[in-house]
C-alpha cells in the first residue's frame, strides 16, 4: 500500500504540478470531503463511545484550527 500511495503521489505531482488555483481548490475540497467521510464512517462512532459528546466539539475545533493555519500559511 505504501508503494502504491507513493506512486500515486508522484504521478499526481507530475500530472497536476502546474495546475491553476480553481482546479486545485476543487481537488483539495474533494480530498477534504473524503477525509470527513472517513472520519464520520469509521472513527467517530468509536470516538463517541470512548469520549462522549465532547468529541464533536473537538473535531470542529480541530478543523477550524487547520483551516485557519492553512489560510495564514497560504
N, C-alpha and C. Protein backbone atom coordinates (compact mmCIF):
# COMPACT_ATOMS: atom_id res chain seq x y z
N UNK A 1 0.81 -1.17 0.00
CA UNK A 1 0.00 0.00 0.00
C UNK A 1 0.87 1.25 0.00
N UNK A 2 1.97 1.21 0.73
CA UNK A 2 2.86 2.38 0.78
C UNK A 2 3.46 2.66 -0.59
N UNK A 3 3.81 1.62 -1.33
CA UNK A 3 4.39 1.80 -2.67
C UNK A 3 3.35 2.38 -3.62
N UNK A 4 2.13 1.87 -3.56
CA UNK A 4 1.06 2.38 -4.42
C UNK A 4 0.74 3.83 -4.09
N UNK A 5 0.68 4.16 -2.80
CA UNK A 5 0.41 5.54 -2.39
C UNK A 5 1.52 6.48 -2.84
N UNK A 6 2.75 6.04 -2.73
CA UNK A 6 3.88 6.85 -3.18
C UNK A 6 3.82 7.08 -4.68
N UNK A 7 3.55 6.03 -5.42
CA UNK A 7 3.45 6.15 -6.88
C UNK A 7 2.31 7.08 -7.27
N UNK A 8 1.18 6.99 -6.59
CA UNK A 8 0.06 7.88 -6.88
C UNK A 8 0.40 9.33 -6.57
N UNK A 9 1.13 9.57 -5.49
CA UNK A 9 1.53 10.93 -5.14
C UNK A 9 2.49 11.51 -6.17
N UNK A 10 3.45 10.71 -6.61
CA UNK A 10 4.41 11.17 -7.62
C UNK A 10 3.69 11.43 -8.94
N UNK A 11 2.83 10.53 -9.34
CA UNK A 11 2.07 10.72 -10.58
C UNK A 11 1.19 11.96 -10.51
N UNK A 12 0.53 12.16 -9.39
CA UNK A 12 -0.30 13.35 -9.22
C UNK A 12 0.51 14.63 -9.29
N UNK A 13 1.70 14.61 -8.70
CA UNK A 13 2.56 15.79 -8.74
C UNK A 13 3.04 16.08 -10.16
N UNK A 14 3.39 15.04 -10.90
CA UNK A 14 3.87 15.21 -12.27
C UNK A 14 2.74 15.71 -13.17
N UNK A 15 1.57 15.11 -13.05
CA UNK A 15 0.46 15.45 -13.93
C UNK A 15 -0.17 16.79 -13.54
N UNK A 16 -0.33 17.04 -12.25
CA UNK A 16 -1.06 18.22 -11.80
C UNK A 16 -0.15 19.26 -11.13
N UNK A 17 1.14 19.19 -11.33
CA UNK A 17 2.07 20.10 -10.68
C UNK A 17 1.85 21.56 -11.00
N UNK A 18 1.46 21.89 -12.21
CA UNK A 18 1.28 23.28 -12.61
C UNK A 18 -0.18 23.71 -12.69
N UNK A 19 -1.05 23.05 -11.97
CA UNK A 19 -2.48 23.32 -12.04
C UNK A 19 -2.79 24.71 -11.45
N UNK A 20 -3.80 25.38 -12.01
CA UNK A 20 -4.17 26.71 -11.53
C UNK A 20 -4.97 26.61 -10.22
N UNK A 21 -5.30 27.75 -9.65
CA UNK A 21 -5.92 27.79 -8.33
C UNK A 21 -7.30 27.15 -8.24
N UNK A 22 -8.16 27.38 -9.23
CA UNK A 22 -9.54 26.88 -9.14
C UNK A 22 -9.59 25.34 -9.20
N UNK A 23 -8.95 24.70 -10.17
CA UNK A 23 -8.96 23.23 -10.15
C UNK A 23 -8.26 22.65 -8.91
N UNK A 24 -7.21 23.33 -8.45
CA UNK A 24 -6.53 22.86 -7.23
C UNK A 24 -7.48 22.92 -6.04
N UNK A 25 -8.26 23.99 -5.94
CA UNK A 25 -9.23 24.10 -4.85
C UNK A 25 -10.27 22.99 -4.93
N UNK A 26 -10.69 22.63 -6.13
CA UNK A 26 -11.66 21.54 -6.28
C UNK A 26 -11.07 20.21 -5.84
N UNK A 27 -9.81 19.96 -6.20
CA UNK A 27 -9.15 18.72 -5.78
C UNK A 27 -9.01 18.68 -4.26
N UNK A 28 -8.61 19.80 -3.66
CA UNK A 28 -8.46 19.85 -2.21
C UNK A 28 -9.81 19.71 -1.50
N UNK A 29 -10.87 20.28 -2.06
CA UNK A 29 -12.19 20.15 -1.47
C UNK A 29 -12.66 18.69 -1.52
N UNK A 30 -12.38 18.02 -2.63
CA UNK A 30 -12.73 16.61 -2.73
C UNK A 30 -11.98 15.78 -1.70
N UNK A 31 -10.68 16.07 -1.54
CA UNK A 31 -9.87 15.34 -0.55
C UNK A 31 -10.38 15.59 0.87
N UNK A 32 -10.75 16.84 1.16
CA UNK A 32 -11.29 17.15 2.49
C UNK A 32 -12.60 16.41 2.74
N UNK A 33 -13.44 16.33 1.72
CA UNK A 33 -14.68 15.58 1.84
C UNK A 33 -14.45 14.10 2.09
N UNK A 34 -13.43 13.56 1.43
CA UNK A 34 -13.09 12.14 1.64
C UNK A 34 -12.62 11.90 3.07
N UNK A 35 -11.84 12.83 3.60
CA UNK A 35 -11.37 12.69 4.98
C UNK A 35 -12.54 12.78 5.95
N UNK A 36 -13.44 13.75 5.73
CA UNK A 36 -14.61 13.87 6.60
C UNK A 36 -15.49 12.62 6.54
N UNK A 37 -15.63 12.06 5.34
CA UNK A 37 -16.42 10.83 5.18
C UNK A 37 -15.80 9.68 5.97
N UNK A 38 -14.48 9.56 5.88
CA UNK A 38 -13.78 8.50 6.62
C UNK A 38 -13.94 8.70 8.12
N UNK A 39 -13.81 9.95 8.57
CA UNK A 39 -14.00 10.22 9.99
C UNK A 39 -15.40 9.85 10.46
N UNK A 40 -16.39 10.29 9.71
CA UNK A 40 -17.78 10.05 10.11
C UNK A 40 -18.12 8.58 10.09
N UNK A 41 -17.60 7.84 9.12
CA UNK A 41 -17.96 6.44 8.96
C UNK A 41 -17.18 5.51 9.88
N UNK A 42 -15.92 5.79 10.07
CA UNK A 42 -15.05 4.83 10.76
C UNK A 42 -14.65 5.26 12.16
N UNK A 43 -14.20 6.48 12.30
CA UNK A 43 -13.58 6.87 13.56
C UNK A 43 -14.54 7.51 14.56
N UNK A 44 -15.52 8.27 14.09
CA UNK A 44 -16.39 8.99 15.02
C UNK A 44 -17.22 8.08 15.93
N UNK A 45 -17.81 7.00 15.42
CA UNK A 45 -18.59 6.14 16.34
C UNK A 45 -17.76 5.62 17.51
N UNK A 46 -16.54 5.20 17.23
CA UNK A 46 -15.68 4.71 18.31
C UNK A 46 -15.26 5.84 19.24
N UNK A 47 -14.99 7.01 18.66
CA UNK A 47 -14.61 8.16 19.49
C UNK A 47 -15.75 8.55 20.42
N UNK A 48 -16.99 8.56 19.91
CA UNK A 48 -18.14 8.89 20.76
C UNK A 48 -18.31 7.84 21.86
N UNK A 49 -18.05 6.60 21.51
CA UNK A 49 -18.18 5.53 22.50
C UNK A 49 -17.22 5.73 23.66
N UNK A 50 -15.98 6.14 23.34
CA UNK A 50 -14.96 6.28 24.39
C UNK A 50 -14.88 7.69 24.97
N UNK A 51 -15.24 8.72 24.19
CA UNK A 51 -15.03 10.10 24.64
C UNK A 51 -16.28 10.89 24.95
N UNK A 52 -17.42 10.43 24.51
CA UNK A 52 -18.66 11.15 24.78
C UNK A 52 -18.90 12.31 23.83
N UNK A 53 -19.79 13.20 24.24
CA UNK A 53 -20.24 14.29 23.39
C UNK A 53 -19.19 15.34 23.06
N UNK A 54 -18.15 15.43 23.85
CA UNK A 54 -17.11 16.44 23.60
C UNK A 54 -16.33 16.15 22.32
N UNK A 55 -16.46 14.95 21.79
CA UNK A 55 -15.73 14.56 20.58
C UNK A 55 -16.14 15.42 19.39
N UNK A 56 -17.42 15.69 19.24
CA UNK A 56 -17.89 16.52 18.13
C UNK A 56 -17.31 17.91 18.19
N UNK A 57 -17.32 18.51 19.37
CA UNK A 57 -16.75 19.85 19.55
C UNK A 57 -15.25 19.84 19.25
N UNK A 58 -14.55 18.85 19.73
CA UNK A 58 -13.11 18.76 19.47
C UNK A 58 -12.83 18.61 17.98
N UNK A 59 -13.66 17.88 17.26
CA UNK A 59 -13.48 17.72 15.82
C UNK A 59 -13.67 19.04 15.09
N UNK A 60 -14.72 19.76 15.44
CA UNK A 60 -14.99 21.05 14.79
C UNK A 60 -13.87 22.04 15.09
N UNK A 61 -13.42 22.09 16.32
CA UNK A 61 -12.32 23.00 16.68
C UNK A 61 -11.05 22.61 15.94
N UNK A 62 -10.78 21.34 15.82
CA UNK A 62 -9.60 20.88 15.09
C UNK A 62 -9.64 21.28 13.63
N UNK A 63 -10.78 21.10 12.98
CA UNK A 63 -10.90 21.50 11.58
C UNK A 63 -10.82 23.02 11.43
N UNK A 64 -11.39 23.77 12.37
CA UNK A 64 -11.31 25.23 12.30
C UNK A 64 -9.87 25.70 12.44
N UNK A 65 -9.12 25.11 13.35
CA UNK A 65 -7.71 25.48 13.51
C UNK A 65 -6.92 25.11 12.26
N UNK A 66 -7.17 23.94 11.71
CA UNK A 66 -6.47 23.54 10.48
C UNK A 66 -6.78 24.52 9.34
N UNK A 67 -8.04 24.94 9.24
CA UNK A 67 -8.40 25.92 8.20
C UNK A 67 -7.70 27.24 8.42
N UNK A 68 -7.70 27.72 9.66
CA UNK A 68 -7.05 28.98 9.95
C UNK A 68 -5.55 28.92 9.66
N UNK A 69 -4.90 27.83 10.03
CA UNK A 69 -3.47 27.68 9.77
C UNK A 69 -3.18 27.63 8.28
N UNK A 70 -4.03 26.96 7.52
CA UNK A 70 -3.80 26.91 6.08
C UNK A 70 -4.06 28.26 5.42
N UNK A 71 -4.97 29.04 5.98
CA UNK A 71 -5.24 30.38 5.46
C UNK A 71 -4.10 31.34 5.74
N UNK A 72 -3.51 31.23 6.92
CA UNK A 72 -2.39 32.10 7.30
C UNK A 72 -1.16 31.74 6.49
N UNK A 73 -0.93 30.46 6.31
CA UNK A 73 0.26 29.98 5.60
C UNK A 73 0.18 30.25 4.11
N UNK A 74 -1.01 30.11 3.51
CA UNK A 74 -1.16 30.21 2.07
C UNK A 74 -1.51 31.55 1.63
